[in-house]
């Protein structure tokens, strides 16, 4: 939603691309890495 809004308002790819990359990194961090680390910690107990 943020990258789409940025593109619709500003129409500048050099602003939209970093915003989109930030969203992808955020999703990857909290939807892939954190659950994997949590599962790894739970399996050690």
Protein backbone atom coordinates (compact mmCIF):
# COMPACT_ATOMS: atom_id res chain seq x y z
CA UNK A 1 0.00 0.00 0.00
CA UNK A 2 2.83 2.41 0.85
CA UNK A 3 4.72 1.85 -2.42
CA UNK A 4 1.50 2.14 -4.41
CA UNK A 5 0.56 5.36 -2.63
CA UNK A 6 4.05 6.73 -3.17
CA UNK A 7 3.87 5.96 -6.87
CA UNK A 8 0.38 7.41 -7.29
CA UNK A 9 1.25 10.62 -5.45
CA UNK A 10 4.82 11.26 -6.57
CA UNK A 11 5.37 9.10 -9.67
CA UNK A 12 9.07 8.90 -8.91
CA UNK A 13 10.60 5.41 -9.14
CA UNK A 14 13.66 6.46 -7.12
CA UNK A 15 11.40 7.16 -4.14
CA UNK A 16 9.03 4.23 -4.67
CA UNK A 17 11.73 1.57 -5.16
CA UNK A 18 13.41 2.06 -1.74
CA UNK A 19 10.01 2.12 -0.05
CA UNK A 20 9.04 -1.13 -1.75
CA UNK A 21 12.39 -2.67 -0.82
CA UNK A 22 11.87 -1.61 2.79
CA UNK A 23 8.47 -3.28 2.87
CA UNK A 24 9.89 -6.50 1.39
CA UNK A 25 12.73 -6.54 3.92
CA UNK A 26 10.28 -5.90 6.79
CA UNK A 27 8.01 -8.75 5.65
CA UNK A 28 10.97 -11.09 5.21
CA UNK A 29 12.26 -10.24 8.67
CA UNK A 30 9.01 -10.75 10.54
CA UNK A 31 7.36 -13.43 8.40
CA UNK A 32 10.42 -15.60 7.73
CA UNK A 33 13.32 -14.94 10.08
CA UNK A 34 11.52 -14.34 13.38
CA UNK A 35 9.24 -17.42 13.12
CA UNK A 36 12.24 -19.55 12.08
CA UNK A 37 14.27 -18.32 15.06
CA UNK A 38 11.32 -18.88 17.41
CA UNK A 39 10.81 -22.42 16.10
CA UNK A 40 14.54 -23.11 16.46
CA UNK A 41 14.48 -21.86 20.07
CA UNK A 42 11.43 -23.97 20.88
CA UNK A 43 13.01 -27.12 19.47
CA UNK A 44 16.05 -26.75 21.77
CA UNK A 45 13.95 -26.85 24.95
